[in-house]
Amino acid sequence: MTSRHFLLTDVAVTAPGSLLLSYADGERLPVNLHEIIARHPTLQALGDPKVFATAALGEWRDSVIWMDDDNLELASDNLRARVLEQAGECSHEVILDWMAKHGLTLDSAAQELGLSRRMLAYYRSGAKPVPRIVALAMKGWERQEVERDSARSVATSNPIKLNVEKLGKSVSPSSSPPRKRA
């Protein structure tokens, strides 16, 4: 069963490329789809205002479909995520993408962000809005990982070797210097 915040009750075309979506949780949200239509070749037909005007609720109320064509269908959770992103907020999809990009499990992602597993699960599912501080924490974590990777790359591609021959022994940076005798 689709969560109430992803279940559609109505869809209205407000202009070519724009919809007003009504969700079961009472939210009425406008969304602009011009960028999505332009980016995805399978949705090119939606660029025609006559085709776009055929927008209707999908069979299970968890999508918007055009011309009763399964190839012209967008899921309600993706549409809601687009609404949030167009408003400058962080959607649940950003968390899903971030976790997948870095190979993080729910447990490891929660630990890295300093959140409880349950709270991150709420954000990831879209059940609760993603706070700006969590979005910023993900960006900060990514930046930190880039710096760590960069430091590791420099260390492995440009090793400094110290090879001092003294009394037949080789000294490396990881060993301690020989003691002087008084």
Protein backbone atom coordinates (compact mmCIF):
# COMPACT_ATOMS: atom_id res chain seq x y z
CA MET A 1 0.00 0.00 0.00
CA THR A 2 1.27 3.44 -0.93
CA SER A 3 1.79 5.89 1.96
CA ARG A 4 -0.75 8.70 2.22
CA HIS A 5 1.88 11.29 1.39
CA PHE A 6 2.43 9.56 -1.99
CA LEU A 7 -1.21 8.66 -2.73
CA LEU A 8 -2.82 11.04 -5.22
CA THR A 9 -6.43 12.18 -4.93
CA ASP A 10 -6.49 14.53 -7.94
CA VAL A 11 -4.34 15.87 -10.75
CA ALA A 12 -5.01 19.05 -12.71
CA VAL A 13 -3.16 20.50 -15.68
CA THR A 14 -2.46 24.16 -14.89
CA ALA A 15 -0.43 24.92 -18.04
CA PRO A 16 1.49 22.92 -20.62
CA GLY A 17 4.22 21.13 -18.66
CA SER A 18 2.73 22.02 -15.24
CA LEU A 19 0.45 20.10 -12.87
CA LEU A 20 -1.31 20.71 -9.59
CA LEU A 21 -1.14 17.48 -7.56
CA SER A 22 -3.46 16.73 -4.65
CA TYR A 23 -2.26 14.09 -2.20
CA ALA A 24 -4.19 12.04 0.37
CA ASP A 25 -2.36 13.82 3.21
CA GLY A 26 -4.12 17.06 2.18
CA GLU A 27 -1.19 18.66 0.35
CA ARG A 28 -1.86 20.43 -2.97
CA LEU A 29 1.44 20.90 -4.75
CA PRO A 30 2.33 22.51 -8.08
CA VAL A 31 5.06 20.88 -10.19
CA ASN A 32 6.78 21.97 -13.38
CA LEU A 33 7.82 19.07 -15.61
CA HIS A 34 9.52 20.94 -18.49
CA GLU A 35 13.02 19.84 -17.46
CA ILE A 36 12.02 16.18 -17.04
CA ILE A 37 10.22 16.15 -20.39
CA ALA A 38 13.24 17.68 -22.15
CA ARG A 39 15.73 15.31 -20.46
CA HIS A 40 13.95 11.98 -21.07
CA PRO A 41 13.36 10.93 -24.68
CA THR A 42 10.49 8.59 -23.71
CA LEU A 43 8.54 11.61 -22.40
CA GLN A 44 9.01 13.81 -25.49
CA ALA A 45 5.35 13.36 -26.46
CA LEU A 46 4.42 15.34 -23.33
CA GLY A 47 5.91 18.41 -24.99
CA ASP A 48 2.73 18.53 -27.10
CA PRO A 49 0.14 20.57 -25.11
CA LYS A 50 -2.71 18.36 -26.40
CA VAL A 51 -1.01 15.22 -25.10
CA PHE A 52 -0.05 16.88 -21.81
CA ALA A 53 -3.68 17.93 -21.29
CA THR A 54 -4.68 14.24 -21.02
CA ALA A 55 -3.02 13.86 -17.59
CA ALA A 56 -4.99 11.56 -15.30
CA LEU A 57 -4.54 9.54 -12.11
CA GLY A 58 -2.91 6.16 -12.57
CA GLU A 59 -4.90 3.01 -11.83
CA TRP A 60 -3.68 2.74 -8.22
CA ARG A 61 -3.52 6.52 -7.60
CA ASP A 62 0.26 6.27 -7.20
CA SER A 63 1.11 7.85 -10.56
CA VAL A 64 0.07 10.31 -13.24
CA ILE A 65 -0.49 8.83 -16.69
CA TRP A 66 -1.03 10.48 -20.06
CA MET A 67 -3.11 9.05 -22.93
CA ASP A 68 -3.51 5.81 -20.95
CA ASP A 69 0.03 4.92 -22.09
CA ASP A 70 2.31 3.18 -19.58
CA ASN A 71 5.33 4.77 -21.30
CA LEU A 72 3.90 8.18 -20.39
CA GLU A 73 3.59 7.66 -16.65
CA LEU A 74 5.35 9.31 -13.69
CA ALA A 75 5.25 7.92 -10.15
CA SER A 76 3.67 10.10 -7.46
CA ASP A 77 6.68 9.81 -5.11
CA ASN A 78 9.01 11.08 -7.85
CA LEU A 79 6.61 13.93 -8.60
CA ARG A 80 6.47 14.91 -4.93
CA ALA A 81 10.28 14.79 -4.76
CA ARG A 82 10.43 17.10 -7.79
CA VAL A 83 8.06 19.55 -6.04
CA LEU A 84 10.37 19.67 -3.01
CA GLU A 85 13.49 20.13 -5.12
CA GLN A 86 11.84 22.92 -7.14
CA ALA A 87 11.06 24.63 -3.82
CA GLY A 88 14.75 24.41 -2.83
CA GLU A 89 14.26 21.61 -0.31
CA CYS A 90 15.81 18.17 -0.03
CA SER A 91 13.69 15.18 -1.07
CA HIS A 92 13.89 11.57 0.07
CA GLU A 93 15.41 10.71 -3.33
CA VAL A 94 18.51 12.73 -2.49
CA ILE A 95 19.14 10.45 0.49
CA LEU A 96 18.56 7.32 -1.59
CA ASP A 97 20.93 8.57 -4.29
CA TRP A 98 23.59 9.59 -1.73
CA MET A 99 23.49 6.20 0.00
CA ALA A 100 23.68 4.31 -3.32
CA LYS A 101 26.49 6.50 -4.66
CA HIS A 102 28.65 5.78 -1.62
CA GLY A 103 27.58 2.18 -1.03
CA LEU A 104 26.15 2.94 2.41
CA THR A 105 23.63 0.80 4.24
CA LEU A 106 20.93 2.36 6.38
CA ASP A 107 22.98 1.60 9.50
CA SER A 108 26.26 2.99 8.15
CA ALA A 109 24.61 6.10 6.66
CA ALA A 110 22.84 6.83 9.95
CA GLN A 111 26.11 6.46 11.84
CA GLU A 112 27.99 8.73 9.42
CA LEU A 113 25.29 11.43 9.70
CA GLY A 114 24.90 11.11 13.46
CA LEU A 115 21.23 10.10 13.18
CA SER A 116 19.27 7.21 14.56
CA ARG A 117 18.56 4.43 12.09
CA ARG A 118 14.81 4.99 12.52
CA MET A 119 14.99 8.72 11.80
CA LEU A 120 17.05 8.19 8.66
CA ALA A 121 14.55 5.52 7.55
CA TYR A 122 11.75 8.10 7.92
CA TYR A 123 13.67 10.61 5.80
CA ARG A 124 14.67 8.01 3.21
CA SER A 125 11.09 6.78 2.77
CA GLY A 126 9.69 10.30 2.49
CA ALA A 127 7.54 9.79 5.60
CA LYS A 128 9.16 12.86 7.17
CA PRO A 129 10.66 15.89 5.44
CA VAL A 130 14.44 15.92 5.19
CA PRO A 131 15.79 18.79 7.34
CA ARG A 132 18.24 21.16 5.68
CA ILE A 133 20.85 20.22 8.30
CA VAL A 134 20.77 16.59 7.11
CA ALA A 135 21.21 17.68 3.49
CA LEU A 136 24.16 19.83 4.54
CA ALA A 137 25.63 16.96 6.57
CA MET A 138 25.53 14.74 3.47
CA LYS A 139 27.34 17.41 1.44
CA GLY A 140 29.92 17.87 4.21
CA TRP A 141 30.47 14.12 4.46
CA GLU A 142 30.99 13.93 0.69
CA ARG A 143 33.51 16.76 0.81
CA GLN A 144 35.38 15.05 3.62
CA GLU A 145 35.47 11.79 1.64
CA VAL A 146 36.84 13.61 -1.42
CA GLU A 147 39.61 15.11 0.70
CA ARG A 148 40.44 11.72 2.23
CA ASP A 149 40.52 10.07 -1.20
CA SER A 150 42.71 12.87 -2.51
CA ALA A 151 45.14 12.48 0.41
CA ARG A 152 45.26 8.70 -0.10
CA SER A 153 45.86 9.17 -3.82
CA VAL A 154 48.77 11.52 -3.23
CA ALA A 155 50.28 9.18 -0.65
CA THR A 156 50.14 6.13 -2.92
CA SER A 157 51.11 7.79 -6.18
CA ASN A 158 53.98 9.86 -4.79
CA PRO A 159 55.64 7.92 -1.96
CA ILE A 160 58.61 9.47 -0.25
CA LYS A 161 61.27 6.94 0.37
CA LEU A 162 63.98 7.55 2.84
CA ASN A 163 66.74 5.06 2.35
CA VAL A 164 69.69 5.86 4.52
CA GLU A 165 72.39 3.30 4.81
CA LYS A 166 73.87 3.32 8.25
CA LEU A 167 75.62 0.38 9.77
CA GLY A 168 74.15 -1.83 7.05
CA LYS A 169 70.54 -1.03 8.03
CA SER A 170 67.91 0.69 5.93
CA VAL A 171 65.84 3.35 7.72
CA SER A 172 62.31 4.07 6.51
CA PRO A 173 59.92 6.89 7.54
CA SER A 174 57.92 4.47 9.67
CA SER A 175 60.87 3.30 11.78
CA SER A 176 62.38 5.33 14.56
CA PRO A 177 65.85 6.86 14.17
CA PRO A 178 68.78 5.11 15.82
CA ARG A 179 69.65 6.31 19.32
CA LYS A 180 72.86 8.20 19.90
CA ARG A 181 75.21 6.80 22.47
CA ALA A 182 76.75 9.15 24.92
